[in-house]
Protein backbone atom coordinates (compact mmCIF):
# COMPACT_ATOMS: atom_id res chain seq x y z
CA MET A 1 0.00 0.00 0.00
CA TYR A 2 1.26 3.50 -0.82
CA PHE A 3 -0.14 7.04 -1.28
CA CYS A 4 0.08 8.59 -4.77
CA ILE A 5 1.22 12.22 -4.53
CA LEU A 6 -0.43 13.17 -7.84
CA CYS A 7 -3.90 11.60 -7.65
CA HIS A 8 -4.03 11.71 -3.81
CA ALA A 9 -5.26 8.15 -3.44
CA GLU A 10 -4.05 5.02 -1.69
CA HIS A 11 -3.13 2.13 -3.99
CA GLU A 12 -1.96 -1.44 -3.71
CA ARG A 13 1.58 -1.67 -5.04
CA GLN A 14 1.84 -2.78 -8.69
CA GLU A 15 4.91 -3.55 -10.82
CA ALA A 16 4.57 -0.35 -12.91
CA ASP A 17 4.17 1.99 -9.94
CA ARG A 18 7.00 4.10 -8.54
CA VAL A 19 7.17 3.96 -4.75
CA PHE A 20 9.76 6.26 -3.19
CA SER A 21 12.37 4.88 -0.82
CA THR A 22 12.01 7.99 1.37
CA GLY A 23 8.91 10.02 2.21
CA PHE A 24 5.82 8.90 4.05
CA ARG A 25 2.27 10.10 4.66
CA ALA A 26 1.13 10.06 8.26
CA LEU A 27 -2.41 8.74 8.71
CA PRO A 28 -4.74 10.02 11.45
CA ASN A 29 -4.23 6.81 13.45
CA GLY A 30 -0.46 7.42 13.50
CA ASP A 31 0.44 4.84 10.85
CA LYS A 32 2.72 5.91 8.01
CA ILE A 33 2.47 4.72 4.42
CA PRO A 34 5.09 5.26 1.68
CA LEU A 35 4.63 7.92 -1.00
CA GLY A 36 4.77 7.17 -4.70
CA LEU A 37 3.25 7.63 -8.15
CA CYS A 38 0.66 5.26 -9.61
CA GLU A 39 0.81 4.06 -13.21
CA THR A 40 -1.98 6.45 -14.27
CA SER A 41 -0.18 9.43 -12.73
CA LEU A 42 3.07 8.40 -14.42
CA GLN A 43 1.26 8.34 -17.78
CA VAL A 44 -0.16 11.83 -17.14
CA LEU A 45 3.29 13.17 -16.27
CA SER A 46 4.77 11.53 -19.37
CA LYS A 47 2.16 13.15 -21.63
CA GLU A 48 2.74 16.56 -19.99
CA ALA A 49 6.48 16.22 -20.59
CA GLU A 50 5.87 15.63 -24.32
CA LYS A 51 4.07 18.96 -24.75
CA PRO A 52 6.20 21.76 -26.20
CA PHE A 53 7.25 24.40 -23.71
CA SER A 54 6.93 28.05 -24.61
CA MET A 55 7.68 31.09 -22.54
CA LYS A 56 5.16 33.87 -22.92
CA PRO A 57 6.22 37.41 -22.08
CA LEU A 58 4.68 38.90 -18.96
CA SER A 59 2.09 41.54 -19.74
CA ALA A 60 2.80 45.01 -18.40
């Protein structure tokens, strides 16, 4: 079990998920669960990274 930092949900650990070796979420009962990124969140991040980046000038 881990907590996804992008979708803010608890998930059972799957092969494609990225669970961090450091970083935990404290639950109200005092338990701590590891933080990570679920497969769906990793796909979202991957698609965002493929988008072209453009800097727009700040308006005065």
